[in-house]
Amino acid sequence: MIPQTTKKFIDGLIDYYISEAASYKQIAKTYHEEVEDVNANAFGIIVGCVYSAFLQAYQNQKLKPTLEDTQEFTQMIKLRAAQIKRSVLDAKT
């Protein structure tokens, strides 16, 4: 089970990346020739950044996330996926 402080940290990160979606969409546009769907690419960059921070939070505590922790993280992302997607789609770049 993900510790409550880590959950709050992840939720805060998701909020941050939602607020900065235009920046990540701009990064995704850089790879437009390689990856045609800029919005999907930006979504992936955001989720990847949040996942990386999730892993780093565990590493900072000298822990490794369990399969259950990773599944719980995935559920957290799924619950917020529509918000992330909407922020990317609405982002002006």
C-alpha atoms as a PDB file:
ATOM      1  CA  MET A   1       0.000   0.000   0.000  1.00  0.00           C
ATOM      2  CA  ILE A   2       1.344   3.401  -0.974  1.00  0.00           C
ATOM      3  CA  PRO A   3       2.006   5.555   2.112  1.00  0.00           C
ATOM      4  CA  GLN A   4      -0.433   8.452   2.486  1.00  0.00           C
ATOM      5  CA  THR A   5       2.335  11.056   2.234  1.00  0.00           C
ATOM      6  CA  THR A   6       3.472   9.536  -1.070  1.00  0.00           C
ATOM      7  CA  LYS A   7      -0.124   9.544  -2.367  1.00  0.00           C
ATOM      8  CA  LYS A   8      -0.425  13.239  -1.545  1.00  0.00           C
ATOM      9  CA  PHE A   9       2.902  13.855  -3.253  1.00  0.00           C
ATOM     10  CA  ILE A  10       1.741  12.024  -6.401  1.00  0.00           C
ATOM     11  CA  ASP A  11      -1.591  13.878  -6.450  1.00  0.00           C
ATOM     12  CA  GLY A  12       0.273  17.164  -6.123  1.00  0.00           C
ATOM     13  CA  LEU A  13       2.551  16.196  -9.002  1.00  0.00           C
ATOM     14  CA  ILE A  14      -0.416  15.306 -11.174  1.00  0.00           C
ATOM     15  CA  ASP A  15      -1.932  18.707 -10.383  1.00  0.00           C
ATOM     16  CA  TYR A  16       1.355  20.372 -11.299  1.00  0.00           C
ATOM     17  CA  TYR A  17       1.694  18.529 -14.615  1.00  0.00           C
ATOM     18  CA  ILE A  18      -1.934  19.296 -15.470  1.00  0.00           C
ATOM     19  CA  SER A  19      -1.233  22.980 -14.895  1.00  0.00           C
ATOM     20  CA  GLU A  20       1.881  22.786 -17.082  1.00  0.00           C
ATOM     21  CA  ALA A  21       0.401  20.645 -19.869  1.00  0.00           C
ATOM     22  CA  ALA A  22       1.187  23.270 -22.529  1.00  0.00           C
ATOM     23  CA  SER A  23       4.912  22.929 -21.795  1.00  0.00           C
ATOM     24  CA  TYR A  24       4.803  19.165 -22.151  1.00  0.00           C
ATOM     25  CA  LYS A  25       2.716  19.410 -25.299  1.00  0.00           C
ATOM     26  CA  GLN A  26       5.396  21.705 -26.720  1.00  0.00           C
ATOM     27  CA  ILE A  27       8.037  19.092 -25.916  1.00  0.00           C
ATOM     28  CA  ALA A  28       5.880  16.435 -27.597  1.00  0.00           C
ATOM     29  CA  LYS A  29       5.624  18.586 -30.724  1.00  0.00           C
ATOM     30  CA  THR A  30       9.399  18.374 -31.027  1.00  0.00           C
ATOM     31  CA  TYR A  31       8.958  14.673 -31.853  1.00  0.00           C
ATOM     32  CA  HIS A  32       5.973  15.129 -34.159  1.00  0.00           C
ATOM     33  CA  GLU A  33       7.766  13.546 -37.117  1.00  0.00           C
ATOM     34  CA  GLU A  34       8.568  10.417 -35.107  1.00  0.00           C
ATOM     35  CA  VAL A  35       5.298  10.235 -33.159  1.00  0.00           C
ATOM     36  CA  GLU A  36       2.319  11.588 -35.050  1.00  0.00           C
ATOM     37  CA  ASP A  37      -0.083  11.937 -32.119  1.00  0.00           C
ATOM     38  CA  VAL A  38       1.255  14.932 -30.196  1.00  0.00           C
ATOM     39  CA  ASN A  39      -1.513  14.734 -27.573  1.00  0.00           C
ATOM     40  CA  ALA A  40      -0.876  11.055 -26.810  1.00  0.00           C
ATOM     41  CA  ASN A  41       2.853  11.745 -26.678  1.00  0.00           C
ATOM     42  CA  ALA A  42       2.354  14.627 -24.223  1.00  0.00           C
ATOM     43  CA  PHE A  43       0.087  12.416 -22.087  1.00  0.00           C
ATOM     44  CA  GLY A  44       2.812   9.761 -22.040  1.00  0.00           C
ATOM     45  CA  ILE A  45       5.493  12.263 -21.087  1.00  0.00           C
ATOM     46  CA  ILE A  46       3.383  13.510 -18.175  1.00  0.00           C
ATOM     47  CA  VAL A  47       2.555  10.013 -16.906  1.00  0.00           C
ATOM     48  CA  GLY A  48       6.207   9.007 -17.311  1.00  0.00           C
ATOM     49  CA  CYS A  49       7.348  12.002 -15.262  1.00  0.00           C
ATOM     50  CA  VAL A  50       4.869  11.199 -12.487  1.00  0.00           C
ATOM     51  CA  TYR A  51       5.910   7.529 -12.525  1.00  0.00           C
ATOM     52  CA  SER A  52       9.563   8.499 -12.324  1.00  0.00           C
ATOM     53  CA  ALA A  53       8.822  10.684  -9.301  1.00  0.00           C
ATOM     54  CA  PHE A  54       6.848   7.816  -7.727  1.00  0.00           C
ATOM     55  CA  LEU A  55       9.893   5.555  -8.065  1.00  0.00           C
ATOM     56  CA  GLN A  56      12.196   8.298  -6.769  1.00  0.00           C
ATOM     57  CA  ALA A  57       9.993   8.803  -3.702  1.00  0.00           C
ATOM     58  CA  TYR A  58      10.452   5.130  -2.839  1.00  0.00           C
ATOM     59  CA  GLN A  59      14.174   5.241  -3.543  1.00  0.00           C
ATOM     60  CA  ASN A  60      14.548   8.262  -1.254  1.00  0.00           C
ATOM     61  CA  GLN A  61      13.083   6.117   1.526  1.00  0.00           C
ATOM     62  CA  LYS A  62      15.396   3.231   0.565  1.00  0.00           C
ATOM     63  CA  LEU A  63      12.353   1.172  -0.447  1.00  0.00           C
ATOM     64  CA  LYS A  64      11.234  -0.602  -3.591  1.00  0.00           C
ATOM     65  CA  PRO A  65       7.593  -0.413  -4.642  1.00  0.00           C
ATOM     66  CA  THR A  66       5.810  -3.737  -4.530  1.00  0.00           C
ATOM     67  CA  LEU A  67       3.586  -5.015  -7.314  1.00  0.00           C
ATOM     68  CA  GLU A  68       0.630  -3.892  -5.187  1.00  0.00           C
ATOM     69  CA  ASP A  69       2.126  -0.387  -4.891  1.00  0.00           C
ATOM     70  CA  THR A  70       2.623  -0.192  -8.652  1.00  0.00           C
ATOM     71  CA  GLN A  71      -0.938  -1.364  -9.272  1.00  0.00           C
ATOM     72  CA  GLU A  72      -2.214   1.237  -6.826  1.00  0.00           C
ATOM     73  CA  PHE A  73      -0.178   3.905  -8.622  1.00  0.00           C
ATOM     74  CA  THR A  74      -1.715   2.785 -11.921  1.00  0.00           C
ATOM     75  CA  GLN A  75      -5.176   3.158 -10.411  1.00  0.00           C
ATOM     76  CA  MET A  76      -4.323   6.661  -9.225  1.00  0.00           C
ATOM     77  CA  ILE A  77      -3.304   7.594 -12.770  1.00  0.00           C
ATOM     78  CA  LYS A  78      -6.421   5.974 -14.242  1.00  0.00           C
ATOM     79  CA  LEU A  79      -8.625   8.016 -11.906  1.00  0.00           C
ATOM     80  CA  ARG A  80      -6.958  11.225 -13.101  1.00  0.00           C
ATOM     81  CA  ALA A  81      -6.333  10.205 -16.740  1.00  0.00           C
ATOM     82  CA  ALA A  82      -9.324  12.142 -18.083  1.00  0.00           C
ATOM     83  CA  GLN A  83      -8.103  15.312 -16.346  1.00  0.00           C
ATOM     84  CA  ILE A  84      -4.601  14.855 -17.715  1.00  0.00           C
ATOM     85  CA  LYS A  85      -5.928  14.199 -21.208  1.00  0.00           C
ATOM     86  CA  ARG A  86      -8.240  17.221 -21.084  1.00  0.00           C
ATOM     87  CA  SER A  87      -5.388  19.465 -19.953  1.00  0.00           C
ATOM     88  CA  VAL A  88      -3.280  18.288 -22.895  1.00  0.00           C
ATOM     89  CA  LEU A  89      -6.105  18.717 -25.395  1.00  0.00           C
ATOM     90  CA  ASP A  90      -6.899  22.189 -24.081  1.00  0.00           C
ATOM     91  CA  ALA A  91      -3.248  23.272 -23.937  1.00  0.00           C
ATOM     92  CA  LYS A  92      -2.345  26.163 -26.197  1.00  0.00           C
ATOM     93  CA  THR A  93       1.142  25.909 -27.644  1.00  0.00           C
END
